[in-house]
Amino acid sequence: MSQLSILDGPRAEPLGGGPAKQLVILLHGLGADGNDLIQLAPYLGRAVPEAAFVSPNAPQPCDMAPFGRQWFSLQNRDPEVLVQGADAAAPILDAFIDAEMERRGLDAERVALLGFSQGGMMALHTGLRRERSLAAICALSGALLGSDSLPEQIRSRPPVLLVHGDSDEVVPSRALPAAEAALAANRVPVTAEIRPGMGHGIDERCIQLAMEFLQKHLAGAAAE
């Protein structure tokens, strides 16, 4: 059980001041850490000024670089192995989400996940299997793992935002239409956009889409 409580990372309090009325959990990609995505907080906070942000460091040291963290290994890209990795990491992330909700005194409808790359994979894999639906999931340059088992395992259907660059050299852009189709087949509300010319990254349009999505779906969110 000790492993389930090891996650922590940088935090940002609500841009508008006062106690947090919403929470956005930012999940970084392979080889990064929480300091990477917490940099989005000042931008996303303009759309949800009453939201706090936390960007936990993934539980494992990256096994493909001398620094950074990973949610699971990507050395073996076999789809079944990737699902096994996500399955192993999900309870750790789940426990962190629960702990943060309790820490802030927030219900699930006031919590959103936003993940980039491997973090996007974890946001989808974990968020769709939680008993109580979160407010929203944003997966940027990610992928939906284990789509074949989703019909049996899905427990909640929060609205999902998918954004992917058509020039992504790390996670192929075909991951987006595959995820979009699988989510739609499982009655998950999904919004998707392919970014022309964008590689494996986050551009201004990605941030704008995420801002609009969070503002729309986080309970109690109000425009700046």
C-alpha atoms as a PDB file:
ATOM      1  CA  MET A   1       0.000   0.000   0.000  1.00  0.00           C
ATOM      2  CA  SER A   2       2.925   2.347   0.540  1.00  0.00           C
ATOM      3  CA  GLN A   3       3.381   2.622  -3.224  1.00  0.00           C
ATOM      4  CA  LEU A   4      -0.150   4.004  -3.523  1.00  0.00           C
ATOM      5  CA  SER A   5       0.759   7.112  -1.545  1.00  0.00           C
ATOM      6  CA  ILE A   6       4.091   8.054  -3.090  1.00  0.00           C
ATOM      7  CA  LEU A   7       2.894  10.504  -5.744  1.00  0.00           C
ATOM      8  CA  ASP A   8       3.477  14.195  -5.259  1.00  0.00           C
ATOM      9  CA  GLY A   9       4.532  17.119  -7.370  1.00  0.00           C
ATOM     10  CA  PRO A  10       4.351  20.852  -7.923  1.00  0.00           C
ATOM     11  CA  ARG A  11       1.117  22.679  -7.218  1.00  0.00           C
ATOM     12  CA  ALA A  12      -0.497  25.973  -8.125  1.00  0.00           C
ATOM     13  CA  GLU A  13      -3.268  27.615  -6.145  1.00  0.00           C
ATOM     14  CA  PRO A  14      -6.305  29.223  -7.841  1.00  0.00           C
ATOM     15  CA  LEU A  15      -5.462  32.218  -9.998  1.00  0.00           C
ATOM     16  CA  GLY A  16      -8.417  34.088  -8.525  1.00  0.00           C
ATOM     17  CA  GLY A  17      -7.282  33.561  -4.944  1.00  0.00           C
ATOM     18  CA  GLY A  18      -9.314  31.955  -2.192  1.00  0.00           C
ATOM     19  CA  PRO A  19      -9.965  28.252  -1.615  1.00  0.00           C
ATOM     20  CA  ALA A  20     -10.073  25.944  -4.610  1.00  0.00           C
ATOM     21  CA  LYS A  21     -13.529  25.158  -5.959  1.00  0.00           C
ATOM     22  CA  GLN A  22     -12.176  22.906  -8.704  1.00  0.00           C
ATOM     23  CA  LEU A  23      -9.031  20.842  -9.265  1.00  0.00           C
ATOM     24  CA  VAL A  24      -7.129  20.041 -12.454  1.00  0.00           C
ATOM     25  CA  ILE A  25      -4.627  17.173 -12.252  1.00  0.00           C
ATOM     26  CA  LEU A  26      -1.900  17.440 -14.900  1.00  0.00           C
ATOM     27  CA  LEU A  27      -0.202  14.206 -16.024  1.00  0.00           C
ATOM     28  CA  HIS A  28       3.179  14.551 -17.730  1.00  0.00           C
ATOM     29  CA  GLY A  29       4.694  12.401 -20.447  1.00  0.00           C
ATOM     30  CA  LEU A  30       7.578   9.939 -20.513  1.00  0.00           C
ATOM     31  CA  GLY A  31      10.916  11.350 -19.406  1.00  0.00           C
ATOM     32  CA  ALA A  32       9.469  14.534 -17.899  1.00  0.00           C
ATOM     33  CA  ASP A  33       8.173  15.263 -14.412  1.00  0.00           C
ATOM     34  CA  GLY A  34       5.546  17.393 -12.741  1.00  0.00           C
ATOM     35  CA  ASN A  35       7.473  20.593 -13.389  1.00  0.00           C
ATOM     36  CA  ASP A  36       6.728  20.200 -17.102  1.00  0.00           C
ATOM     37  CA  LEU A  37       2.936  20.547 -17.181  1.00  0.00           C
ATOM     38  CA  ILE A  38       2.516  22.739 -14.112  1.00  0.00           C
ATOM     39  CA  GLN A  39       3.666  25.503 -16.455  1.00  0.00           C
ATOM     40  CA  LEU A  40       0.206  25.301 -18.061  1.00  0.00           C
ATOM     41  CA  ALA A  41      -1.500  26.396 -14.838  1.00  0.00           C
ATOM     42  CA  PRO A  42      -1.236  30.178 -15.418  1.00  0.00           C
ATOM     43  CA  TYR A  43      -2.845  29.779 -18.856  1.00  0.00           C
ATOM     44  CA  LEU A  44      -5.546  27.246 -17.987  1.00  0.00           C
ATOM     45  CA  GLY A  45      -6.271  29.192 -14.810  1.00  0.00           C
ATOM     46  CA  ARG A  46      -7.578  32.084 -16.878  1.00  0.00           C
ATOM     47  CA  ALA A  47     -10.500  29.881 -17.894  1.00  0.00           C
ATOM     48  CA  VAL A  48     -11.011  28.311 -14.459  1.00  0.00           C
ATOM     49  CA  PRO A  49      -9.696  30.925 -11.986  1.00  0.00           C
ATOM     50  CA  GLU A  50     -11.143  29.043  -9.004  1.00  0.00           C
ATOM     51  CA  ALA A  51      -9.273  25.833  -9.868  1.00  0.00           C
ATOM     52  CA  ALA A  52      -6.136  24.578  -8.177  1.00  0.00           C
ATOM     53  CA  PHE A  53      -3.591  22.592 -10.179  1.00  0.00           C
ATOM     54  CA  VAL A  54      -1.320  19.715  -9.238  1.00  0.00           C
ATOM     55  CA  SER A  55       1.141  17.899 -11.476  1.00  0.00           C
ATOM     56  CA  PRO A  56       2.327  14.668  -9.823  1.00  0.00           C
ATOM     57  CA  ASN A  57       5.641  13.086 -10.688  1.00  0.00           C
ATOM     58  CA  ALA A  58       5.057   9.653 -12.218  1.00  0.00           C
ATOM     59  CA  PRO A  59       5.926   6.720  -9.935  1.00  0.00           C
ATOM     60  CA  GLN A  60       8.892   5.240 -11.835  1.00  0.00           C
ATOM     61  CA  PRO A  61      12.271   6.600 -12.942  1.00  0.00           C
ATOM     62  CA  CYS A  62      12.409   6.750 -16.740  1.00  0.00           C
ATOM     63  CA  ASP A  63      14.121   3.621 -18.078  1.00  0.00           C
ATOM     64  CA  MET A  64      14.910   5.231 -21.447  1.00  0.00           C
ATOM     65  CA  ALA A  65      16.776   8.310 -20.186  1.00  0.00           C
ATOM     66  CA  PRO A  66      19.111   9.245 -17.326  1.00  0.00           C
ATOM     67  CA  PHE A  67      16.490  11.617 -15.892  1.00  0.00           C
ATOM     68  CA  GLY A  68      12.734  12.119 -15.720  1.00  0.00           C
ATOM     69  CA  ARG A  69       9.880   9.841 -14.709  1.00  0.00           C
ATOM     70  CA  GLN A  70       7.477   7.413 -16.350  1.00  0.00           C
ATOM     71  CA  TRP A  71       4.060   5.972 -15.589  1.00  0.00           C
ATOM     72  CA  PHE A  72       5.157   2.677 -17.136  1.00  0.00           C
ATOM     73  CA  SER A  73       7.866   1.422 -19.476  1.00  0.00           C
ATOM     74  CA  LEU A  74       7.621   1.978 -23.215  1.00  0.00           C
ATOM     75  CA  GLN A  75      10.603  -0.171 -24.130  1.00  0.00           C
ATOM     76  CA  ASN A  76       8.240  -2.891 -25.286  1.00  0.00           C
ATOM     77  CA  ARG A  77       5.513  -1.346 -27.461  1.00  0.00           C
ATOM     78  CA  ASP A  78       3.427  -4.508 -27.729  1.00  0.00           C
ATOM     79  CA  PRO A  79      -0.163  -3.351 -27.107  1.00  0.00           C
ATOM     80  CA  GLU A  80      -0.789  -5.998 -24.453  1.00  0.00           C
ATOM     81  CA  VAL A  81       2.389  -5.007 -22.588  1.00  0.00           C
ATOM     82  CA  LEU A  82       1.373  -1.341 -22.689  1.00  0.00           C
ATOM     83  CA  VAL A  83      -2.031  -2.176 -21.245  1.00  0.00           C
ATOM     84  CA  GLN A  84      -0.363  -4.172 -18.475  1.00  0.00           C
ATOM     85  CA  GLY A  85       1.815  -1.159 -17.675  1.00  0.00           C
ATOM     86  CA  ALA A  86      -1.172   1.181 -17.550  1.00  0.00           C
ATOM     87  CA  ASP A  87      -3.102  -1.336 -15.436  1.00  0.00           C
ATOM     88  CA  ALA A  88      -0.255  -1.401 -12.911  1.00  0.00           C
ATOM     89  CA  ALA A  89       0.025   2.390 -12.729  1.00  0.00           C
ATOM     90  CA  ALA A  90      -3.713   3.099 -12.580  1.00  0.00           C
ATOM     91  CA  PRO A  91      -4.258   2.207  -8.881  1.00  0.00           C
ATOM     92  CA  ILE A  92      -1.404   4.532  -7.930  1.00  0.00           C
ATOM     93  CA  LEU A  93      -2.934   7.404  -9.883  1.00  0.00           C
ATOM     94  CA  ASP A  94      -6.410   6.494  -8.619  1.00  0.00           C
ATOM     95  CA  ALA A  95      -5.241   6.715  -5.022  1.00  0.00           C
ATOM     96  CA  PHE A  96      -3.630  10.079  -5.703  1.00  0.00           C
ATOM     97  CA  ILE A  97      -6.854  11.438  -7.231  1.00  0.00           C
ATOM     98  CA  ASP A  98      -8.830  10.258  -4.201  1.00  0.00           C
ATOM     99  CA  ALA A  99      -6.317  11.762  -1.786  1.00  0.00           C
ATOM    100  CA  GLU A 100      -6.348  15.124  -3.590  1.00  0.00           C
ATOM    101  CA  MET A 101     -10.149  15.194  -3.636  1.00  0.00           C
ATOM    102  CA  GLU A 102     -10.204  14.543   0.105  1.00  0.00           C
ATOM    103  CA  ARG A 103      -7.447  17.091   0.721  1.00  0.00           C
ATOM    104  CA  ARG A 104      -9.411  19.783  -1.093  1.00  0.00           C
ATOM    105  CA  GLY A 105     -12.865  18.649  -0.014  1.00  0.00           C
ATOM    106  CA  LEU A 106     -14.002  18.348  -3.631  1.00  0.00           C
ATOM    107  CA  ASP A 107     -16.419  15.973  -5.329  1.00  0.00           C
ATOM    108  CA  ALA A 108     -15.563  14.157  -8.562  1.00  0.00           C
ATOM    109  CA  GLU A 109     -17.626  16.602 -10.646  1.00  0.00           C
ATOM    110  CA  ARG A 110     -15.144  19.320  -9.715  1.00  0.00           C
ATOM    111  CA  VAL A 111     -12.028  17.403 -10.774  1.00  0.00           C
ATOM    112  CA  ALA A 112     -10.540  17.106 -14.257  1.00  0.00           C
ATOM    113  CA  LEU A 113      -7.564  15.202 -15.677  1.00  0.00           C
ATOM    114  CA  LEU A 114      -5.327  16.652 -18.369  1.00  0.00           C
ATOM    115  CA  GLY A 115      -2.524  14.496 -19.697  1.00  0.00           C
ATOM    116  CA  PHE A 116       0.136  14.835 -22.369  1.00  0.00           C
ATOM    117  CA  SER A 117       1.497  11.829 -24.299  1.00  0.00           C
ATOM    118  CA  GLN A 118       1.875   8.952 -21.801  1.00  0.00           C
ATOM    119  CA  GLY A 119       0.038  11.158 -19.300  1.00  0.00           C
ATOM    120  CA  GLY A 120      -2.845  11.342 -21.773  1.00  0.00           C
ATOM    121  CA  MET A 121      -2.865   7.560 -21.960  1.00  0.00           C
ATOM    122  CA  MET A 122      -3.066   7.392 -18.167  1.00  0.00           C
ATOM    123  CA  ALA A 123      -5.798  10.037 -17.992  1.00  0.00           C
ATOM    124  CA  LEU A 124      -8.008   8.013 -20.321  1.00  0.00           C
ATOM    125  CA  HIS A 125      -7.124   4.613 -18.882  1.00  0.00           C
ATOM    126  CA  THR A 126      -7.761   5.652 -15.292  1.00  0.00           C
ATOM    127  CA  GLY A 127     -10.522   8.211 -15.683  1.00  0.00           C
ATOM    128  CA  LEU A 128     -12.874   5.960 -17.642  1.00  0.00           C
ATOM    129  CA  ARG A 129     -12.593   3.200 -15.049  1.00  0.00           C
ATOM    130  CA  ARG A 130     -13.408   5.282 -11.955  1.00  0.00           C
ATOM    131  CA  GLU A 131     -16.708   4.532 -10.262  1.00  0.00           C
ATOM    132  CA  ARG A 132     -17.697   8.201  -9.974  1.00  0.00           C
ATOM    133  CA  SER A 133     -17.301  10.226 -13.123  1.00  0.00           C
ATOM    134  CA  LEU A 134     -14.794  13.057 -13.119  1.00  0.00           C
ATOM    135  CA  ALA A 135     -15.761  16.354 -14.720  1.00  0.00           C
ATOM    136  CA  ALA A 136     -13.592  15.999 -17.825  1.00  0.00           C
ATOM    137  CA  ILE A 137     -10.556  14.327 -19.388  1.00  0.00           C
ATOM    138  CA  CYS A 138      -8.198  16.094 -21.792  1.00  0.00           C
ATOM    139  CA  ALA A 139      -5.723  13.852 -23.646  1.00  0.00           C
ATOM    140  CA  LEU A 140      -3.134  15.749 -25.697  1.00  0.00           C
ATOM    141  CA  SER A 141      -0.948  13.726 -28.090  1.00  0.00           C
ATOM    142  CA  GLY A 142      -1.979  10.565 -26.250  1.00  0.00           C
ATOM    143  CA  ALA A 143      -3.683   7.293 -27.103  1.00  0.00           C
ATOM    144  CA  LEU A 144      -6.424   5.029 -25.806  1.00  0.00           C
ATOM    145  CA  LEU A 145      -4.932   1.761 -24.571  1.00  0.00           C
ATOM    146  CA  GLY A 146      -6.958  -1.407 -24.184  1.00  0.00           C
ATOM    147  CA  SER A 147      -9.911  -0.317 -26.277  1.00  0.00           C
ATOM    148  CA  ASP A 148     -10.978  -3.957 -26.732  1.00  0.00           C
ATOM    149  CA  SER A 149     -11.523  -4.383 -22.996  1.00  0.00           C
ATOM    150  CA  LEU A 150     -13.161  -0.989 -22.489  1.00  0.00           C
ATOM    151  CA  PRO A 151     -16.769  -2.205 -22.943  1.00  0.00           C
ATOM    152  CA  GLU A 152     -16.316  -4.563 -19.961  1.00  0.00           C
ATOM    153  CA  GLN A 153     -14.232  -2.200 -17.821  1.00  0.00           C
ATOM    154  CA  ILE A 154     -15.722   1.263 -18.368  1.00  0.00           C
ATOM    155  CA  ARG A 155     -17.414   2.608 -15.241  1.00  0.00           C
ATOM    156  CA  SER A 156     -17.920   6.287 -16.019  1.00  0.00           C
ATOM    157  CA  ARG A 157     -18.279   8.458 -19.097  1.00  0.00           C
ATOM    158  CA  PRO A 158     -16.876  11.953 -18.530  1.00  0.00           C
ATOM    159  CA  PRO A 159     -16.592  14.214 -21.567  1.00  0.00           C
ATOM    160  CA  VAL A 160     -13.250  13.743 -23.308  1.00  0.00           C
ATOM    161  CA  LEU A 161     -11.138  16.139 -25.351  1.00  0.00           C
ATOM    162  CA  LEU A 162      -8.610  14.635 -27.783  1.00  0.00           C
ATOM    163  CA  VAL A 163      -6.032  16.811 -29.560  1.00  0.00           C
ATOM    164  CA  HIS A 164      -3.184  15.483 -31.707  1.00  0.00           C
ATOM    165  CA  GLY A 165      -0.721  16.877 -34.221  1.00  0.00           C
ATOM    166  CA  ASP A 166      -0.790  15.343 -37.688  1.00  0.00           C
ATOM    167  CA  SER A 167       3.026  15.480 -37.742  1.00  0.00           C
ATOM    168  CA  ASP A 168       3.518  13.727 -34.394  1.00  0.00           C
ATOM    169  CA  GLU A 169       6.754  11.739 -34.641  1.00  0.00           C
ATOM    170  CA  VAL A 170       6.326   9.944 -31.287  1.00  0.00           C
ATOM    171  CA  VAL A 171       2.671   8.903 -30.970  1.00  0.00           C
ATOM    172  CA  PRO A 172       1.190   8.535 -34.477  1.00  0.00           C
ATOM    173  CA  SER A 173      -1.754  10.817 -35.201  1.00  0.00           C
ATOM    174  CA  ARG A 174      -3.872   7.794 -36.151  1.00  0.00           C
ATOM    175  CA  ALA A 175      -4.215   7.255 -32.404  1.00  0.00           C
ATOM    176  CA  LEU A 176      -6.775  10.075 -32.322  1.00  0.00           C
ATOM    177  CA  PRO A 177      -9.394   8.678 -34.739  1.00  0.00           C
ATOM    178  CA  ALA A 178      -8.949   5.227 -33.192  1.00  0.00           C
ATOM    179  CA  ALA A 179      -9.580   6.648 -29.715  1.00  0.00           C
ATOM    180  CA  GLU A 180     -12.444   8.805 -30.919  1.00  0.00           C
ATOM    181  CA  ALA A 181     -14.198   5.820 -32.503  1.00  0.00           C
ATOM    182  CA  ALA A 182     -13.726   3.598 -29.459  1.00  0.00           C
ATOM    183  CA  LEU A 183     -14.961   6.278 -27.071  1.00  0.00           C
ATOM    184  CA  ALA A 184     -18.006   7.013 -29.215  1.00  0.00           C
ATOM    185  CA  ALA A 185     -18.777   3.282 -29.401  1.00  0.00           C
ATOM    186  CA  ASN A 186     -18.784   3.232 -25.604  1.00  0.00           C
ATOM    187  CA  ARG A 187     -21.092   6.270 -25.406  1.00  0.00           C
ATOM    188  CA  VAL A 188     -18.407   8.635 -24.115  1.00  0.00           C
ATOM    189  CA  PRO A 189     -18.950  12.257 -25.223  1.00  0.00           C
ATOM    190  CA  VAL A 190     -15.851  13.132 -27.214  1.00  0.00           C
ATOM    191  CA  THR A 191     -14.487  16.272 -28.868  1.00  0.00           C
ATOM    192  CA  ALA A 192     -11.499  15.783 -31.145  1.00  0.00           C
ATOM    193  CA  GLU A 193      -9.208  17.937 -33.245  1.00  0.00           C
ATOM    194  CA  ILE A 194      -6.179  17.159 -35.411  1.00  0.00           C
ATOM    195  CA  ARG A 195      -3.654  20.003 -35.463  1.00  0.00           C
ATOM    196  CA  PRO A 196      -2.103  20.489 -38.924  1.00  0.00           C
ATOM    197  CA  GLY A 197       1.679  20.700 -38.904  1.00  0.00           C
ATOM    198  CA  MET A 198       2.031  20.085 -35.162  1.00  0.00           C
ATOM    199  CA  GLY A 199       4.489  17.482 -33.919  1.00  0.00           C
ATOM    200  CA  HIS A 200       4.625  15.859 -30.509  1.00  0.00           C
ATOM    201  CA  GLY A 201       3.863  18.879 -28.409  1.00  0.00           C
ATOM    202  CA  ILE A 202       1.320  21.411 -27.183  1.00  0.00           C
ATOM    203  CA  ASP A 203       0.612  24.537 -29.222  1.00  0.00           C
ATOM    204  CA  GLU A 204      -1.495  27.609 -28.494  1.00  0.00           C
ATOM    205  CA  ARG A 205      -4.566  26.028 -30.073  1.00  0.00           C
ATOM    206  CA  CYS A 206      -4.214  23.003 -27.771  1.00  0.00           C
ATOM    207  CA  ILE A 207      -4.155  25.285 -24.761  1.00  0.00           C
ATOM    208  CA  GLN A 208      -7.142  27.249 -26.025  1.00  0.00           C
ATOM    209  CA  LEU A 209      -9.159  24.075 -26.616  1.00  0.00           C
ATOM    210  CA  ALA A 210      -8.281  22.806 -23.147  1.00  0.00           C
ATOM    211  CA  MET A 211      -9.244  26.150 -21.583  1.00  0.00           C
ATOM    212  CA  GLU A 212     -12.639  26.109 -23.287  1.00  0.00           C
ATOM    213  CA  PHE A 213     -13.221  22.469 -22.404  1.00  0.00           C
ATOM    214  CA  LEU A 214     -12.375  22.904 -18.731  1.00  0.00           C
ATOM    215  CA  GLN A 215     -14.460  26.063 -18.467  1.00  0.00           C
ATOM    216  CA  LYS A 216     -17.432  24.250 -19.982  1.00  0.00           C
ATOM    217  CA  HIS A 217     -17.277  21.045 -17.970  1.00  0.00           C
ATOM    218  CA  LEU A 218     -15.778  21.758 -14.549  1.00  0.00           C
ATOM    219  CA  ALA A 219     -18.680  22.161 -12.132  1.00  0.00           C
ATOM    220  CA  GLY A 220     -18.958  25.700 -10.869  1.00  0.00           C
ATOM    221  CA  ALA A 221     -16.515  27.077 -13.433  1.00  0.00           C
ATOM    222  CA  ALA A 222     -17.141  30.659 -14.483  1.00  0.00           C
ATOM    223  CA  ALA A 223     -15.593  32.862 -17.125  1.00  0.00           C
ATOM    224  CA  GLU A 224     -12.870  35.266 -16.064  1.00  0.00           C
END
